[in-house]
Amino acid sequence: MTVTTPPALRRRGRDLRYLAVEAASWPASMALLVASVLVLPLAVLAGGRTGGSPTLDLVHRLALRAHDAAGRLAADRRTTELPEEAAASLGAPQTRRNLGWLVLHATVVFGLSLLLVALSVAPVLYSLAAPWWWLFPDDAPMSLAFEITSWRRAGATVALGLLYGALAWVLLPWISRRIARGTLGILEPPRSEVLAQRVDALSVSRAAALDAHAAELRRIERELHDGAQNRLVSVVMMLGMARRALESGATNALPLLERAQDAAGDALSGLRTAVHDIYPPVLDELGLGDAASSLTSRSTIPCTLDVSGLRRAPAAVESAAYFVLAEALTNAMKHSGASRIDVSLRTEQGVLEQGVSEGAAEQVLVVEVRDDGHGGAVDDGSGSGLAGIRRRAAAFEGDLQLISPAGGPTMVRVELPCGF
């Protein structure tokens, strides 16, 4: 027989665990507060080089833990990530927020958490201990809320413990959520700062999009100039030679026409490839999953494809994912020395920024390419294939993650926000 815990009791148990952890972390917050008071002024005087960064890093780690715990408890409020790069900077806004939270946590949060934990434990302690008052000698009676020297006092002690328990039952969810929301309110950037960061990110994304567009135009120009245009020039030259041969009555015009026909076929094939590279028709006809299947099927290295978690995305995002996959497969085939490539395309839930997105959770299209090659791939931004992938991802405010230790394996992961 399964015993089901009432929802109200489960919620209060979760609140009590949260407050107990906050009270237990008080020694760490108090130690860091003292260290900050002693070390940070010296760091300011020394230009930030005398232990300021390690101290702030520890404060930031403790703040991250508190932020995550508060976010899990305050499930009715959406949270945002805290800036990591600001942790070691004395002048960063996040540093001021972290230090402000540290003062609050070491004083008010600790006191309220300890009080609520004590009120929650009192009913059990008083009810179990008070009936055994008679085991204590008269000159050293049991003392809980007061000395217990009779059954009347024992009953009063149990009643007081039940009163404490009732207070804890009422106050526990209210205070725990006020603490959690206060923690989020202090640690998280204000709306204006989030919007400013968003504007900066959009500016970077726009610049990356323009760079990617310019690079794409140069690539298409090179393909047309070095491919189709040269072949068409050959066609014109061979047709001119065939015309002169016919005018002079020579008998070698037919081979020239056949060569011109072959060159025209090659030029047409080159044009089709260039058009296909601008936007593959297979994306519209079959979707990204089947388009990716056509890419992996042409790989010279055995390749597996997993699209089980893939959903449709805007055409521009699917096109970017297609070319990211094509570039990643080309890099693996040229440089990895791998015997196997595993490709995964899927749609994941993105992280919403507080105060920016208020609708449904944003979707992120993830492209992962793994190979068992020798590793050592480096994204040095010097025009390599990985640099091109990063530009494409940045144009959509996406991200490239490269893991390629010496000896392998290599994993290329690209995240492309879908914008819905």
Protein backbone atom coordinates (compact mmCIF):
# COMPACT_ATOMS: atom_id res chain seq x y z
CA MET A 1 0.00 0.00 0.00
CA THR A 2 1.41 3.35 -1.07
CA VAL A 3 1.17 6.26 1.38
CA THR A 4 0.64 9.60 -0.36
CA THR A 5 2.00 12.69 1.35
CA PRO A 6 -0.47 15.61 1.33
CA PRO A 7 0.61 18.39 -1.07
CA ALA A 8 0.58 21.03 1.71
CA LEU A 9 2.95 18.91 3.79
CA ARG A 10 5.24 18.36 0.81
CA ARG A 11 5.38 22.08 0.10
CA ARG A 12 6.25 22.91 3.68
CA GLY A 13 8.85 20.19 3.75
CA ARG A 14 10.45 21.76 0.69
CA ASP A 15 10.30 25.20 2.32
CA LEU A 16 11.85 23.83 5.52
CA ARG A 17 14.70 22.19 3.57
CA TYR A 18 15.38 25.46 1.79
CA LEU A 19 15.54 27.44 5.04
CA ALA A 20 17.64 24.76 6.74
CA VAL A 21 20.21 24.90 3.94
CA GLU A 22 20.25 28.71 4.08
CA ALA A 23 20.84 28.60 7.85
CA ALA A 24 23.53 25.94 7.47
CA SER A 25 25.37 28.05 4.87
CA TRP A 26 25.61 30.98 7.31
CA PRO A 27 29.18 30.14 8.44
CA ALA A 28 30.35 30.34 4.81
CA SER A 29 28.55 33.62 4.15
CA MET A 30 29.78 35.16 7.41
CA ALA A 31 33.36 34.06 6.72
CA LEU A 32 33.20 35.54 3.23
CA LEU A 33 31.65 38.73 4.57
CA VAL A 34 34.51 39.14 7.05
CA ALA A 35 37.05 38.28 4.34
CA SER A 36 35.46 40.83 1.99
CA VAL A 37 35.61 43.56 4.65
CA LEU A 38 39.28 42.81 5.29
CA VAL A 39 40.52 42.03 1.78
CA LEU A 40 38.53 44.14 -0.68
CA PRO A 41 39.62 47.55 0.66
CA LEU A 42 43.23 46.42 0.29
CA ALA A 43 42.44 45.17 -3.22
CA VAL A 44 41.03 48.59 -4.13
CA LEU A 45 44.12 50.35 -2.81
CA ALA A 46 46.39 47.94 -4.69
CA GLY A 47 44.47 48.28 -7.94
CA GLY A 48 42.53 45.04 -7.55
CA ARG A 49 45.58 42.77 -7.40
CA THR A 50 45.70 41.79 -3.70
CA GLY A 51 43.40 38.83 -3.35
CA GLY A 52 40.30 40.62 -4.54
CA SER A 53 39.54 38.30 -7.43
CA PRO A 54 39.72 34.98 -5.47
CA THR A 55 37.52 36.44 -2.73
CA LEU A 56 34.97 37.74 -5.22
CA ASP A 57 35.03 34.43 -7.05
CA LEU A 58 34.05 32.63 -3.83
CA VAL A 59 31.31 35.19 -3.18
CA HIS A 60 30.04 34.71 -6.71
CA ARG A 61 29.98 30.92 -6.33
CA LEU A 62 27.98 31.18 -3.11
CA ALA A 63 25.63 33.68 -4.76
CA LEU A 64 25.12 31.31 -7.71
CA ARG A 65 24.19 28.50 -5.31
CA ALA A 66 21.71 30.77 -3.51
CA HIS A 67 20.31 32.00 -6.84
CA ASP A 68 19.74 28.46 -8.12
CA ALA A 69 18.11 27.36 -4.85
CA ALA A 70 15.86 30.43 -4.79
CA GLY A 71 14.92 29.90 -8.42
CA ARG A 72 13.88 26.31 -7.75
CA LEU A 73 11.74 27.36 -4.78
CA ALA A 74 10.15 30.41 -6.42
CA ALA A 75 8.77 28.32 -9.27
CA ASP A 76 6.18 30.98 -10.02
CA ARG A 77 8.91 33.37 -11.18
CA ARG A 78 11.14 33.07 -14.23
CA THR A 79 14.86 33.49 -13.49
CA THR A 80 17.83 34.55 -15.54
CA GLU A 81 21.46 33.52 -15.43
CA LEU A 82 23.97 35.61 -13.52
CA PRO A 83 26.89 37.13 -15.45
CA GLU A 84 29.98 34.97 -14.92
CA GLU A 85 32.56 37.38 -16.30
CA ALA A 86 31.76 40.05 -13.71
CA ALA A 87 32.66 37.88 -10.73
CA ALA A 88 36.29 39.00 -10.43
CA SER A 89 35.76 42.70 -11.15
CA LEU A 90 35.46 45.09 -8.21
CA GLY A 91 33.54 47.65 -10.24
CA ALA A 92 31.09 45.30 -11.92
CA PRO A 93 27.37 45.75 -11.12
CA GLN A 94 27.06 42.02 -10.41
CA THR A 95 29.81 42.33 -7.79
CA ARG A 96 27.81 44.99 -5.94
CA ARG A 97 24.71 42.82 -6.09
CA ASN A 98 26.65 39.81 -4.80
CA LEU A 99 28.08 41.77 -1.87
CA GLY A 100 24.69 43.26 -1.02
CA TRP A 101 23.16 39.80 -0.99
CA LEU A 102 26.05 38.54 1.18
CA VAL A 103 25.30 41.14 3.86
CA LEU A 104 21.60 40.28 3.79
CA HIS A 105 22.27 36.54 3.89
CA ALA A 106 24.68 36.72 6.81
CA THR A 107 22.20 38.72 8.91
CA VAL A 108 18.49 38.76 8.09
CA VAL A 109 18.25 35.52 6.10
CA PHE A 110 20.20 33.58 8.72
CA GLY A 111 18.08 34.93 11.59
CA LEU A 112 14.74 34.22 9.89
CA SER A 113 15.84 30.79 8.66
CA LEU A 114 17.08 29.76 12.09
CA LEU A 115 13.86 31.00 13.70
CA LEU A 116 11.63 29.06 11.31
CA VAL A 117 13.71 25.89 11.62
CA ALA A 118 13.51 26.15 15.44
CA LEU A 119 9.74 26.71 15.35
CA SER A 120 9.34 23.68 13.07
CA VAL A 121 11.44 21.41 15.31
CA ALA A 122 9.89 22.61 18.61
CA PRO A 123 6.63 20.57 18.42
CA VAL A 124 8.49 17.30 17.97
CA LEU A 125 11.13 18.11 20.59
CA TYR A 126 8.70 19.38 23.23
CA SER A 127 6.17 16.58 22.69
CA LEU A 128 8.79 13.82 22.94
CA ALA A 129 10.90 15.28 25.75
CA ALA A 130 8.40 16.90 28.15
CA PRO A 131 6.71 13.62 29.33
CA TRP A 132 10.09 12.42 30.68
CA TRP A 133 10.50 15.32 33.10
CA TRP A 134 10.14 12.99 36.10
CA LEU A 135 13.42 11.24 35.28
CA PHE A 136 15.37 14.40 36.15
CA PRO A 137 16.40 15.14 39.78
CA ASP A 138 14.65 17.90 41.69
CA ASP A 139 17.79 20.01 41.90
CA ALA A 140 18.37 19.81 38.11
CA PRO A 141 14.94 19.71 36.47
CA MET A 142 14.34 19.46 32.73
CA SER A 143 14.29 22.88 31.09
CA LEU A 144 12.88 23.54 27.64
CA ALA A 145 10.89 26.74 27.28
CA PHE A 146 10.88 26.81 31.09
CA GLU A 147 11.67 24.40 33.90
CA ILE A 148 9.39 21.36 34.05
CA THR A 149 8.72 20.17 37.58
CA SER A 150 5.16 18.78 37.25
CA TRP A 151 2.77 17.18 34.80
CA ARG A 152 0.99 20.51 34.53
CA ARG A 153 4.15 22.21 33.33
CA ALA A 154 4.85 19.28 31.01
CA GLY A 155 1.40 19.71 29.44
CA ALA A 156 1.98 23.44 29.08
CA THR A 157 5.31 22.72 27.37
CA VAL A 158 3.66 20.35 24.88
CA ALA A 159 0.91 22.92 24.21
CA LEU A 160 3.55 25.61 23.64
CA GLY A 161 5.37 23.31 21.19
CA LEU A 162 2.11 22.78 19.28
CA LEU A 163 1.62 26.55 19.18
CA TYR A 164 5.12 26.94 17.77
CA GLY A 165 4.30 24.29 15.19
CA ALA A 166 1.13 26.13 14.16
CA LEU A 167 3.11 29.35 13.76
CA ALA A 168 5.70 27.51 11.67
CA TRP A 169 2.94 25.97 9.52
CA VAL A 170 1.56 29.43 8.74
CA LEU A 171 4.83 31.36 8.42
CA LEU A 172 7.03 28.76 6.70
CA PRO A 173 5.76 29.15 3.09
CA TRP A 174 5.35 32.92 3.40
CA ILE A 175 8.83 33.63 4.78
CA SER A 176 10.67 31.07 2.60
CA ARG A 177 9.20 32.53 -0.57
CA ARG A 178 9.91 36.09 0.57
CA ILE A 179 13.52 35.09 1.15
CA ALA A 180 13.72 33.33 -2.23
CA ARG A 181 12.19 36.25 -4.12
CA GLY A 182 14.35 38.72 -2.22
CA THR A 183 17.43 36.70 -3.18
CA LEU A 184 16.42 36.75 -6.83
CA GLY A 185 15.55 40.43 -6.66
CA ILE A 186 18.98 41.33 -5.28
CA LEU A 187 21.15 39.01 -7.38
CA GLU A 188 19.49 39.32 -10.77
CA PRO A 189 20.21 42.32 -13.01
CA PRO A 190 17.44 44.93 -13.24
CA ARG A 191 15.33 45.11 -16.37
CA SER A 192 17.22 48.13 -17.71
CA GLU A 193 20.55 46.32 -17.44
CA VAL A 194 19.13 43.18 -19.08
CA LEU A 195 17.76 45.28 -21.94
CA ALA A 196 21.12 47.04 -22.32
CA GLN A 197 22.87 43.66 -22.48
CA ARG A 198 20.28 42.54 -25.01
CA VAL A 199 20.96 45.60 -27.18
CA ASP A 200 24.71 44.90 -27.01
CA ALA A 201 24.10 41.27 -27.97
CA LEU A 202 21.88 42.33 -30.87
CA SER A 203 24.57 44.78 -32.06
CA VAL A 204 27.15 42.01 -32.03
CA SER A 205 24.71 39.67 -33.75
CA ARG A 206 23.95 42.26 -36.44
CA ALA A 207 27.66 42.79 -37.09
CA ALA A 208 28.18 39.02 -37.29
CA ALA A 209 25.22 38.71 -39.67
CA LEU A 210 26.68 41.39 -41.93
CA ASP A 211 30.09 39.67 -41.86
CA ALA A 212 28.50 36.31 -42.61
CA HIS A 213 26.48 37.85 -45.45
CA ALA A 214 29.59 39.49 -46.92
CA ALA A 215 31.55 36.24 -46.65
CA GLU A 216 28.69 34.38 -48.35
CA LEU A 217 28.60 36.87 -51.21
CA ARG A 218 32.38 36.54 -51.68
CA ARG A 219 32.09 32.74 -51.67
CA ILE A 220 29.31 32.78 -54.28
CA GLU A 221 31.29 35.26 -56.40
CA ARG A 222 34.35 33.00 -56.27
CA GLU A 223 32.29 29.94 -57.22
CA LEU A 224 30.71 31.75 -60.16
CA HIS A 225 33.98 33.35 -61.29
CA ASP A 226 36.22 30.30 -60.92
CA GLY A 227 33.60 27.76 -61.97
CA ALA A 228 30.66 28.57 -64.19
CA GLN A 229 32.16 31.74 -65.70
CA ASN A 230 35.38 30.02 -66.82
CA ARG A 231 33.42 27.14 -68.30
CA LEU A 232 31.12 29.51 -70.19
CA VAL A 233 34.17 31.34 -71.53
CA SER A 234 35.47 27.98 -72.79
CA VAL A 235 32.10 27.29 -74.43
CA VAL A 236 32.20 30.65 -76.24
CA MET A 237 35.79 30.04 -77.41
CA MET A 238 35.04 26.53 -78.70
CA LEU A 239 31.87 27.70 -80.46
CA GLY A 240 33.93 30.46 -82.11
CA MET A 241 36.54 27.90 -83.23
CA ALA A 242 33.79 25.62 -84.57
CA ARG A 243 32.24 28.53 -86.49
CA ARG A 244 35.55 29.42 -88.12
CA ALA A 245 36.12 25.76 -88.96
CA LEU A 246 32.71 25.58 -90.66
CA GLU A 247 33.34 28.81 -92.57
CA SER A 248 36.69 27.51 -93.84
CA GLY A 249 35.23 24.14 -94.78
CA ALA A 250 37.31 22.23 -92.26
CA THR A 251 36.09 18.84 -91.03
CA ASN A 252 37.04 19.23 -87.35
CA ALA A 253 34.00 21.34 -86.33
CA LEU A 254 32.08 18.38 -84.82
CA PRO A 255 34.64 17.57 -82.08
CA LEU A 256 34.72 21.26 -81.15
CA LEU A 257 30.93 21.33 -80.87
CA GLU A 258 30.98 18.19 -78.71
CA ARG A 259 33.59 19.76 -76.41
CA ALA A 260 31.50 22.94 -76.23
CA GLN A 261 28.46 20.88 -75.30
CA ASP A 262 30.40 19.13 -72.50
CA ALA A 263 31.70 22.46 -71.22
CA ALA A 264 28.18 23.90 -71.26
CA GLY A 265 26.98 20.89 -69.24
CA ASP A 266 29.75 21.48 -66.71
CA ALA A 267 28.85 25.16 -66.48
CA LEU A 268 25.21 24.29 -65.90
CA SER A 269 26.20 21.85 -63.16
CA GLY A 270 28.33 24.56 -61.54
CA LEU A 271 25.44 27.02 -61.65
CA ARG A 272 23.13 24.46 -60.07
CA THR A 273 25.68 23.89 -57.29
CA ALA A 274 26.01 27.63 -56.66
CA VAL A 275 22.23 28.06 -56.53
CA HIS A 276 21.95 25.02 -54.27
CA ASP A 277 24.50 26.52 -51.91
CA ILE A 278 22.49 29.74 -51.62
CA TYR A 279 19.41 27.88 -50.34
CA PRO A 280 19.10 24.11 -50.92
CA PRO A 281 15.67 23.31 -52.41
CA VAL A 282 15.61 20.08 -50.39
CA LEU A 283 15.06 22.17 -47.26
CA ASP A 284 11.74 23.44 -48.58
CA GLU A 285 10.74 20.14 -50.11
CA LEU A 286 11.72 17.67 -47.35
CA GLY A 287 12.80 19.66 -44.29
CA LEU A 288 16.06 19.83 -42.39
CA GLY A 289 16.03 16.18 -41.32
CA ASP A 290 15.98 14.82 -44.87
CA ALA A 291 18.36 17.53 -46.06
CA ALA A 292 20.81 16.46 -43.34
CA SER A 293 20.34 12.85 -44.41
CA SER A 294 21.43 13.77 -47.94
CA LEU A 295 24.56 15.41 -46.51
CA THR A 296 25.52 12.49 -44.28
CA SER A 297 24.89 10.00 -47.08
CA ARG A 298 27.57 11.75 -49.17
CA SER A 299 30.14 11.61 -46.36
CA THR A 300 33.30 9.66 -47.18
CA ILE A 301 33.43 8.55 -43.52
CA PRO A 302 30.70 6.25 -42.11
CA CYS A 303 28.16 8.60 -40.59
CA THR A 304 25.09 8.14 -38.36
CA LEU A 305 22.26 10.66 -38.07
CA ASP A 306 19.80 11.17 -35.21
CA VAL A 307 16.90 13.58 -35.84
CA SER A 308 14.41 12.04 -33.41
CA GLY A 309 14.13 15.22 -31.33
CA LEU A 310 14.06 17.66 -34.27
CA ARG A 311 11.18 20.08 -34.88
CA ARG A 312 10.62 22.47 -37.75
CA ALA A 313 12.25 25.89 -37.40
CA PRO A 314 12.16 29.12 -39.43
CA ALA A 315 13.63 28.76 -42.90
CA ALA A 316 16.63 30.99 -42.16
CA VAL A 317 17.51 28.95 -39.07
CA GLU A 318 17.20 25.63 -40.92
CA SER A 319 19.35 27.00 -43.73
CA ALA A 320 22.04 28.07 -41.26
CA ALA A 321 21.90 24.65 -39.55
CA TYR A 322 22.25 22.94 -42.94
CA PHE A 323 25.38 24.88 -43.85
CA VAL A 324 26.80 24.47 -40.33
CA LEU A 325 26.40 20.72 -40.69
CA ALA A 326 27.89 20.75 -44.19
CA GLU A 327 30.93 22.72 -43.00
CA ALA A 328 31.40 20.54 -39.91
CA LEU A 329 31.25 17.35 -41.99
CA THR A 330 33.70 18.79 -44.51
CA ASN A 331 36.13 19.68 -41.71
CA ALA A 332 35.83 16.20 -40.21
CA MET A 333 36.41 14.49 -43.56
CA LYS A 334 39.42 16.67 -44.39
CA HIS A 335 41.23 16.94 -41.08
CA SER A 336 39.99 14.53 -38.39
CA GLY A 337 41.30 11.17 -39.62
CA ALA A 338 38.17 9.66 -38.06
CA SER A 339 36.64 6.28 -38.77
CA ARG A 340 33.16 7.29 -37.63
CA ILE A 341 31.03 10.45 -37.41
CA ASP A 342 27.87 10.80 -35.32
CA VAL A 343 25.47 13.63 -36.15
CA SER A 344 22.56 14.74 -33.97
CA LEU A 345 19.97 17.40 -34.79
CA ARG A 346 17.39 18.23 -32.12
CA THR A 347 15.28 21.01 -30.69
CA GLU A 348 15.80 21.99 -27.06
CA GLN A 349 14.27 24.47 -24.65
CA GLY A 350 16.22 27.70 -24.52
CA VAL A 351 16.86 29.92 -21.48
CA LEU A 352 14.69 33.01 -21.31
CA GLU A 353 16.12 36.31 -20.18
CA GLN A 354 14.18 38.01 -17.42
CA GLY A 355 12.17 40.97 -18.56
CA VAL A 356 12.77 40.33 -22.26
CA SER A 357 10.71 37.33 -23.30
CA GLU A 358 7.30 36.92 -21.74
CA GLY A 359 5.77 34.29 -24.00
CA ALA A 360 6.42 30.63 -24.45
CA ALA A 361 9.91 29.32 -23.90
CA GLU A 362 12.26 29.90 -26.81
CA GLN A 363 13.34 26.88 -28.85
CA VAL A 364 16.98 26.24 -29.74
CA LEU A 365 18.05 24.16 -32.72
CA VAL A 366 21.12 22.13 -31.74
CA VAL A 367 23.57 20.69 -34.26
CA GLU A 368 26.12 18.23 -32.84
CA VAL A 369 28.85 16.53 -34.85
CA ARG A 370 31.12 14.03 -33.09
CA ASP A 371 34.01 12.09 -34.58
CA ASP A 372 36.55 9.62 -33.20
CA GLY A 373 39.51 11.27 -34.94
CA HIS A 374 42.82 12.48 -33.54
CA GLY A 375 41.37 15.74 -32.14
CA GLY A 376 43.37 18.91 -31.66
CA ALA A 377 40.95 21.11 -33.63
CA VAL A 378 41.34 24.82 -32.82
CA ASP A 379 38.95 27.69 -33.54
CA ASP A 380 41.53 30.46 -33.92
CA GLY A 381 39.32 32.77 -35.98
CA SER A 382 41.80 32.82 -38.87
CA GLY A 383 39.33 32.02 -41.62
CA SER A 384 39.08 28.31 -40.94
CA GLY A 385 35.90 26.30 -41.37
CA LEU A 386 35.24 26.57 -37.64
CA ALA A 387 35.47 30.36 -37.89
CA GLY A 388 32.83 30.26 -40.62
CA ILE A 389 30.60 28.12 -38.42
CA ARG A 390 31.02 30.58 -35.55
CA ARG A 391 30.07 33.49 -37.82
CA ARG A 392 26.93 31.72 -38.95
CA ALA A 393 25.96 30.94 -35.35
CA ALA A 394 26.68 34.49 -34.18
CA ALA A 395 24.41 35.88 -36.88
CA PHE A 396 21.49 34.19 -35.06
CA GLU A 397 22.78 34.98 -31.55
CA GLY A 398 23.83 31.35 -31.41
CA ASP A 399 26.89 29.73 -29.92
CA LEU A 400 29.65 27.34 -31.01
CA GLN A 401 31.13 24.92 -28.50
CA LEU A 402 34.25 22.99 -29.53
CA ILE A 403 35.69 20.10 -27.50
CA SER A 404 38.70 18.57 -29.21
CA PRO A 405 41.46 17.35 -26.89
CA ALA A 406 44.66 16.00 -28.40
CA GLY A 407 44.03 12.38 -29.29
CA GLY A 408 40.30 12.98 -29.73
CA PRO A 409 37.43 12.65 -29.87
CA THR A 410 36.09 15.92 -31.27
CA MET A 411 32.66 17.38 -30.62
CA VAL A 412 31.27 20.43 -32.42
CA ARG A 413 28.01 21.73 -30.92
CA VAL A 414 26.16 24.70 -32.39
CA GLU A 415 23.05 26.23 -30.80
CA LEU A 416 20.78 28.35 -33.01
CA PRO A 417 17.86 30.17 -31.31
CA CYS A 418 14.70 29.67 -33.35
CA GLY A 419 13.02 32.88 -32.26
CA PHE A 420 9.64 31.38 -31.25
